[in-house]
Amino acid sequence: ATGMRPGLDGEGCGLGMQYCHLVARHLDRAGISCFTGLHVAGGYNWRMYFEKLQQADVMLAIMSPAFFKSGPCFEEQFEARRHGLTVIPLLFELNEDGSPPGSGGGETWISVYEATQSE
């Protein structure tokens, strides 16, 4: 999730984009190939990400408050789990009150995921 900050970031940009770039750059420098939404050129459908998920073994989830408010992030997590990927959460940012992100909204994600598994 980009986590755009009103008055600070351009449309579609924010701290989440910076966090993602930081992780991708370090993986690349270590010789580990990766694919992120940053690899999708502007104007292209971000859903091509799902095609790449099918080729992956691991997903790194950059956790921030914006992550738990993002419908696309939910879809990506759901698809990763559906394809049996190991998901490694990376905590980058706390909520304003100092609590971990998802401590309020994460339960909704889990309940929705579990409901789909029982169908």
N, C-alpha and C. Protein backbone atom coordinates (compact mmCIF):
# COMPACT_ATOMS: atom_id res chain seq x y z
N ALA A 1 0.85 -1.18 0.00
CA ALA A 1 0.00 0.00 0.00
C ALA A 1 0.89 1.23 0.00
N THR A 2 0.58 2.17 -0.86
CA THR A 2 1.45 3.34 -0.98
C THR A 2 1.40 4.22 0.25
N GLY A 3 0.26 4.31 0.91
CA GLY A 3 0.18 5.13 2.12
C GLY A 3 0.38 6.61 1.84
N MET A 4 -0.28 7.11 0.80
CA MET A 4 -0.14 8.52 0.43
C MET A 4 -0.50 9.44 1.60
N ARG A 5 0.36 10.41 1.86
CA ARG A 5 0.14 11.39 2.92
C ARG A 5 -0.33 12.69 2.27
N PRO A 6 -1.57 13.09 2.55
CA PRO A 6 -2.09 14.32 1.93
C PRO A 6 -1.18 15.52 2.20
N GLY A 7 -0.91 16.25 1.14
CA GLY A 7 -0.05 17.43 1.25
C GLY A 7 1.43 17.14 1.19
N LEU A 8 1.81 15.86 1.23
CA LEU A 8 3.23 15.50 1.20
C LEU A 8 3.61 14.68 -0.03
N ASP A 9 2.70 13.78 -0.45
CA ASP A 9 3.02 12.85 -1.53
C ASP A 9 2.10 13.07 -2.72
N GLY A 10 2.60 12.72 -3.90
CA GLY A 10 1.80 12.76 -5.10
C GLY A 10 0.82 11.60 -5.12
N GLU A 11 -0.16 11.67 -5.99
CA GLU A 11 -1.16 10.61 -6.14
C GLU A 11 -0.47 9.27 -6.40
N GLY A 12 -0.81 8.27 -5.61
CA GLY A 12 -0.24 6.94 -5.80
C GLY A 12 1.15 6.77 -5.23
N CYS A 13 1.65 7.76 -4.51
CA CYS A 13 2.99 7.68 -3.92
C CYS A 13 2.87 7.81 -2.40
N GLY A 14 3.89 7.39 -1.69
CA GLY A 14 3.89 7.50 -0.24
C GLY A 14 4.98 6.65 0.37
N LEU A 15 4.94 6.56 1.69
CA LEU A 15 5.98 5.80 2.40
C LEU A 15 6.02 4.34 2.00
N GLY A 16 4.86 3.75 1.73
CA GLY A 16 4.83 2.34 1.33
C GLY A 16 5.64 2.09 0.07
N MET A 17 5.58 3.04 -0.85
CA MET A 17 6.35 2.92 -2.09
C MET A 17 7.85 2.97 -1.77
N GLN A 18 8.23 3.84 -0.85
CA GLN A 18 9.63 3.94 -0.46
C GLN A 18 10.10 2.67 0.25
N TYR A 19 9.25 2.13 1.14
CA TYR A 19 9.61 0.90 1.83
C TYR A 19 9.82 -0.23 0.83
N CYS A 20 8.91 -0.33 -0.13
CA CYS A 20 8.99 -1.38 -1.15
C CYS A 20 10.28 -1.25 -1.96
N HIS A 21 10.60 -0.04 -2.35
CA HIS A 21 11.83 0.20 -3.12
C HIS A 21 13.06 -0.21 -2.30
N LEU A 22 13.06 0.13 -1.04
CA LEU A 22 14.18 -0.21 -0.16
C LEU A 22 14.38 -1.72 -0.09
N VAL A 23 13.31 -2.47 0.12
CA VAL A 23 13.41 -3.93 0.21
C VAL A 23 13.85 -4.52 -1.13
N ALA A 24 13.22 -4.09 -2.22
CA ALA A 24 13.56 -4.62 -3.54
C ALA A 24 15.02 -4.33 -3.89
N ARG A 25 15.49 -3.14 -3.55
CA ARG A 25 16.89 -2.79 -3.84
C ARG A 25 17.85 -3.69 -3.07
N HIS A 26 17.57 -3.94 -1.80
CA HIS A 26 18.45 -4.80 -1.00
C HIS A 26 18.41 -6.24 -1.48
N LEU A 27 17.24 -6.72 -1.88
CA LEU A 27 17.15 -8.08 -2.42
C LEU A 27 17.97 -8.19 -3.70
N ASP A 28 17.82 -7.20 -4.57
CA ASP A 28 18.56 -7.19 -5.83
C ASP A 28 20.06 -7.19 -5.58
N ARG A 29 20.51 -6.37 -4.66
CA ARG A 29 21.95 -6.31 -4.34
C ARG A 29 22.48 -7.62 -3.79
N ALA A 30 21.57 -8.40 -3.15
CA ALA A 30 21.96 -9.70 -2.60
C ALA A 30 21.82 -10.81 -3.64
N GLY A 31 21.42 -10.45 -4.87
CA GLY A 31 21.28 -11.44 -5.93
C GLY A 31 19.99 -12.22 -5.87
N ILE A 32 19.00 -11.69 -5.17
CA ILE A 32 17.70 -12.36 -5.05
C ILE A 32 16.70 -11.65 -5.96
N SER A 33 16.16 -12.37 -6.92
CA SER A 33 15.21 -11.75 -7.84
C SER A 33 13.87 -11.55 -7.14
N CYS A 34 13.21 -10.47 -7.50
CA CYS A 34 11.91 -10.18 -6.90
C CYS A 34 11.05 -9.41 -7.90
N PHE A 35 9.78 -9.34 -7.58
CA PHE A 35 8.84 -8.57 -8.39
C PHE A 35 7.93 -7.82 -7.44
N THR A 36 7.75 -6.53 -7.72
CA THR A 36 6.86 -5.71 -6.90
C THR A 36 5.96 -4.90 -7.83
N GLY A 37 5.00 -4.23 -7.24
CA GLY A 37 4.16 -3.33 -8.03
C GLY A 37 4.97 -2.23 -8.68
N LEU A 38 6.16 -1.95 -8.15
CA LEU A 38 7.02 -0.92 -8.74
C LEU A 38 7.55 -1.36 -10.10
N HIS A 39 7.52 -2.64 -10.38
CA HIS A 39 7.97 -3.15 -11.67
C HIS A 39 6.92 -3.02 -12.76
N VAL A 40 5.71 -2.64 -12.39
CA VAL A 40 4.63 -2.47 -13.37
C VAL A 40 4.65 -1.02 -13.83
N ALA A 41 4.84 -0.82 -15.12
CA ALA A 41 4.89 0.54 -15.67
C ALA A 41 3.55 1.25 -15.48
N GLY A 42 3.61 2.55 -15.28
CA GLY A 42 2.40 3.35 -15.12
C GLY A 42 1.43 3.14 -16.26
N GLY A 43 0.16 3.03 -15.93
CA GLY A 43 -0.86 2.84 -16.95
C GLY A 43 -1.16 1.39 -17.27
N TYR A 44 -0.32 0.47 -16.76
CA TYR A 44 -0.57 -0.95 -16.98
C TYR A 44 -1.39 -1.50 -15.82
N ASN A 45 -2.08 -2.59 -16.05
CA ASN A 45 -2.93 -3.19 -15.04
C ASN A 45 -2.07 -3.86 -13.98
N TRP A 46 -2.20 -3.42 -12.74
CA TRP A 46 -1.40 -3.96 -11.64
C TRP A 46 -1.72 -5.43 -11.38
N ARG A 47 -2.83 -5.93 -11.91
CA ARG A 47 -3.21 -7.32 -11.68
C ARG A 47 -2.25 -8.32 -12.32
N MET A 48 -1.34 -7.83 -13.19
CA MET A 48 -0.33 -8.74 -13.73
C MET A 48 0.53 -9.30 -12.59
N TYR A 49 0.49 -8.64 -11.46
CA TYR A 49 1.18 -9.10 -10.25
C TYR A 49 0.75 -10.52 -9.90
N PHE A 50 -0.54 -10.83 -10.11
CA PHE A 50 -1.05 -12.16 -9.77
C PHE A 50 -0.41 -13.25 -10.62
N GLU A 51 -0.06 -12.94 -11.85
CA GLU A 51 0.64 -13.91 -12.69
C GLU A 51 2.01 -14.23 -12.10
N LYS A 52 2.67 -13.20 -11.58
CA LYS A 52 4.00 -13.39 -10.98
C LYS A 52 3.91 -14.19 -9.68
N LEU A 53 2.80 -14.03 -8.94
CA LEU A 53 2.63 -14.78 -7.70
C LEU A 53 2.70 -16.28 -7.93
N GLN A 54 2.19 -16.72 -9.07
CA GLN A 54 2.17 -18.14 -9.37
C GLN A 54 3.57 -18.70 -9.58
N GLN A 55 4.55 -17.83 -9.82
CA GLN A 55 5.93 -18.26 -10.04
C GLN A 55 6.79 -18.12 -8.78
N ALA A 56 6.20 -17.56 -7.73
CA ALA A 56 6.97 -17.24 -6.52
C ALA A 56 6.92 -18.36 -5.49
N ASP A 57 7.86 -18.31 -4.57
CA ASP A 57 7.89 -19.22 -3.43
C ASP A 57 7.54 -18.50 -2.15
N VAL A 58 7.88 -17.20 -2.10
CA VAL A 58 7.73 -16.41 -0.88
C VAL A 58 7.16 -15.04 -1.22
N MET A 59 6.35 -14.51 -0.33
CA MET A 59 5.89 -13.14 -0.45
C MET A 59 6.33 -12.38 0.80
N LEU A 60 6.95 -11.23 0.59
CA LEU A 60 7.28 -10.34 1.69
C LEU A 60 6.18 -9.30 1.75
N ALA A 61 5.50 -9.20 2.88
CA ALA A 61 4.41 -8.25 3.05
C ALA A 61 4.90 -7.08 3.89
N ILE A 62 4.93 -5.90 3.30
CA ILE A 62 5.38 -4.71 4.01
C ILE A 62 4.20 -4.14 4.79
N MET A 63 4.24 -4.36 6.09
CA MET A 63 3.12 -4.01 6.96
C MET A 63 3.20 -2.54 7.40
N SER A 64 2.10 -1.87 7.20
CA SER A 64 1.94 -0.48 7.63
C SER A 64 0.45 -0.26 7.85
N PRO A 65 0.06 0.84 8.48
CA PRO A 65 -1.37 1.10 8.63
C PRO A 65 -2.11 1.10 7.29
N ALA A 66 -1.48 1.64 6.26
CA ALA A 66 -2.12 1.70 4.94
C ALA A 66 -2.35 0.31 4.37
N PHE A 67 -1.49 -0.64 4.69
CA PHE A 67 -1.61 -2.01 4.21
C PHE A 67 -2.97 -2.60 4.57
N PHE A 68 -3.41 -2.37 5.81
CA PHE A 68 -4.66 -2.95 6.29
C PHE A 68 -5.89 -2.20 5.81
N LYS A 69 -5.71 -1.10 5.12
CA LYS A 69 -6.83 -0.35 4.56
C LYS A 69 -6.94 -0.57 3.06
N SER A 70 -6.06 -1.37 2.52
CA SER A 70 -5.94 -1.54 1.07
C SER A 70 -6.64 -2.81 0.58
N GLY A 71 -7.64 -2.62 -0.28
CA GLY A 71 -8.29 -3.76 -0.93
C GLY A 71 -7.33 -4.56 -1.79
N PRO A 72 -6.50 -3.89 -2.62
CA PRO A 72 -5.54 -4.65 -3.41
C PRO A 72 -4.56 -5.46 -2.57
N CYS A 73 -4.13 -4.93 -1.43
CA CYS A 73 -3.23 -5.70 -0.56
C CYS A 73 -3.93 -6.96 -0.05
N PHE A 74 -5.20 -6.83 0.29
CA PHE A 74 -5.97 -8.00 0.74
C PHE A 74 -6.01 -9.04 -0.39
N GLU A 75 -6.31 -8.60 -1.59
CA GLU A 75 -6.38 -9.53 -2.72
C GLU A 75 -5.05 -10.24 -2.94
N GLU A 76 -3.95 -9.49 -2.84
CA GLU A 76 -2.63 -10.07 -3.04
C GLU A 76 -2.32 -11.11 -1.96
N GLN A 77 -2.65 -10.80 -0.71
CA GLN A 77 -2.42 -11.75 0.38
C GLN A 77 -3.26 -13.00 0.20
N PHE A 78 -4.50 -12.80 -0.18
CA PHE A 78 -5.40 -13.93 -0.40
C PHE A 78 -4.85 -14.85 -1.49
N GLU A 79 -4.44 -14.27 -2.60
CA GLU A 79 -3.91 -15.06 -3.71
C GLU A 79 -2.61 -15.77 -3.32
N ALA A 80 -1.76 -15.10 -2.58
CA ALA A 80 -0.51 -15.71 -2.14
C ALA A 80 -0.79 -16.94 -1.29
N ARG A 81 -1.72 -16.84 -0.37
CA ARG A 81 -2.06 -17.97 0.48
C ARG A 81 -2.74 -19.08 -0.33
N ARG A 82 -3.56 -18.68 -1.28
CA ARG A 82 -4.25 -19.66 -2.13
C ARG A 82 -3.25 -20.49 -2.93
N HIS A 83 -2.14 -19.87 -3.32
CA HIS A 83 -1.11 -20.56 -4.09
C HIS A 83 -0.04 -21.20 -3.19
N GLY A 84 -0.25 -21.16 -1.88
CA GLY A 84 0.65 -21.84 -0.96
C GLY A 84 1.97 -21.14 -0.70
N LEU A 85 2.04 -19.85 -0.99
CA LEU A 85 3.28 -19.12 -0.74
C LEU A 85 3.51 -18.93 0.76
N THR A 86 4.75 -18.93 1.15
CA THR A 86 5.12 -18.53 2.50
C THR A 86 5.07 -17.01 2.52
N VAL A 87 4.32 -16.45 3.46
CA VAL A 87 4.21 -15.00 3.57
C VAL A 87 5.00 -14.54 4.80
N ILE A 88 5.97 -13.66 4.56
CA ILE A 88 6.81 -13.14 5.64
C ILE A 88 6.44 -11.67 5.85
N PRO A 89 5.84 -11.35 6.99
CA PRO A 89 5.48 -9.95 7.25
C PRO A 89 6.70 -9.15 7.72
N LEU A 90 6.85 -7.96 7.17
CA LEU A 90 7.91 -7.04 7.58
C LEU A 90 7.25 -5.79 8.14
N LEU A 91 7.40 -5.54 9.43
CA LEU A 91 6.77 -4.39 10.06
C LEU A 91 7.63 -3.15 9.83
N PHE A 92 7.06 -2.18 9.12
CA PHE A 92 7.78 -0.95 8.80
C PHE A 92 7.25 0.26 9.52
N GLU A 93 6.01 0.21 9.96
CA GLU A 93 5.41 1.42 10.50
C GLU A 93 4.32 1.06 11.50
N LEU A 94 4.28 1.75 12.64
CA LEU A 94 3.24 1.55 13.64
C LEU A 94 2.09 2.52 13.39
N ASN A 95 0.95 2.22 14.01
CA ASN A 95 -0.16 3.16 13.99
C ASN A 95 0.22 4.41 14.77
N GLU A 96 -0.55 5.46 14.61
CA GLU A 96 -0.24 6.71 15.31
C GLU A 96 -0.19 6.53 16.83
N ASP A 97 -0.98 5.60 17.38
CA ASP A 97 -0.99 5.39 18.83
C ASP A 97 0.11 4.44 19.30
N GLY A 98 0.98 4.00 18.37
CA GLY A 98 2.09 3.12 18.71
C GLY A 98 1.75 1.64 18.65
N SER A 99 0.51 1.30 18.35
CA SER A 99 0.12 -0.10 18.24
C SER A 99 0.51 -0.65 16.88
N PRO A 100 0.69 -1.95 16.79
CA PRO A 100 1.04 -2.53 15.48
C PRO A 100 -0.14 -2.45 14.52
N PRO A 101 0.14 -2.24 13.24
CA PRO A 101 -0.95 -2.21 12.27
C PRO A 101 -1.63 -3.57 12.21
N GLY A 102 -2.92 -3.55 11.98
CA GLY A 102 -3.67 -4.79 11.94
C GLY A 102 -4.21 -5.20 13.28
N SER A 103 -3.81 -4.50 14.34
CA SER A 103 -4.28 -4.87 15.67
C SER A 103 -5.78 -4.59 15.80
N GLY A 104 -6.32 -3.78 14.90
CA GLY A 104 -7.77 -3.57 14.87
C GLY A 104 -8.38 -4.13 13.61
N GLY A 105 -7.74 -3.87 12.46
CA GLY A 105 -8.31 -4.28 11.18
C GLY A 105 -7.89 -5.64 10.71
N GLY A 106 -6.82 -6.18 11.26
CA GLY A 106 -6.32 -7.47 10.79
C GLY A 106 -7.29 -8.61 11.03
N GLU A 107 -8.06 -8.51 12.11
CA GLU A 107 -9.01 -9.57 12.40
C GLU A 107 -10.03 -9.72 11.28
N THR A 108 -10.41 -8.60 10.68
CA THR A 108 -11.35 -8.65 9.57
C THR A 108 -10.74 -9.44 8.42
N TRP A 109 -9.49 -9.19 8.11
CA TRP A 109 -8.81 -9.91 7.04
C TRP A 109 -8.82 -11.41 7.33
N ILE A 110 -8.48 -11.77 8.56
CA ILE A 110 -8.40 -13.18 8.92
C ILE A 110 -9.75 -13.84 8.81
N SER A 111 -10.78 -13.20 9.33
CA SER A 111 -12.11 -13.81 9.28
C SER A 111 -12.60 -13.97 7.85
N VAL A 112 -12.34 -13.01 6.98
CA VAL A 112 -12.74 -13.13 5.58
C VAL A 112 -11.98 -14.28 4.94
N TYR A 113 -10.70 -14.39 5.20
CA TYR A 113 -9.89 -15.48 4.61
C TYR A 113 -10.40 -16.83 5.10
N GLU A 114 -10.62 -16.96 6.42
CA GLU A 114 -11.08 -18.23 6.95
C GLU A 114 -12.45 -18.61 6.40
N ALA A 115 -13.32 -17.63 6.19
CA ALA A 115 -14.64 -17.91 5.64
C ALA A 115 -14.53 -18.46 4.22
N THR A 116 -13.58 -17.96 3.45
CA THR A 116 -13.41 -18.46 2.07
C THR A 116 -12.86 -19.87 2.07
N GLN A 117 -12.09 -20.22 3.09
CA GLN A 117 -11.51 -21.56 3.16
C GLN A 117 -12.54 -22.63 3.51
N SER A 118 -13.59 -22.23 4.21
CA SER A 118 -14.59 -23.20 4.63
C SER A 118 -15.68 -23.41 3.56
N GLU A 119 -15.62 -22.64 2.47
CA GLU A 119 -16.63 -22.76 1.41
C GLU A 119 -16.33 -23.94 0.51
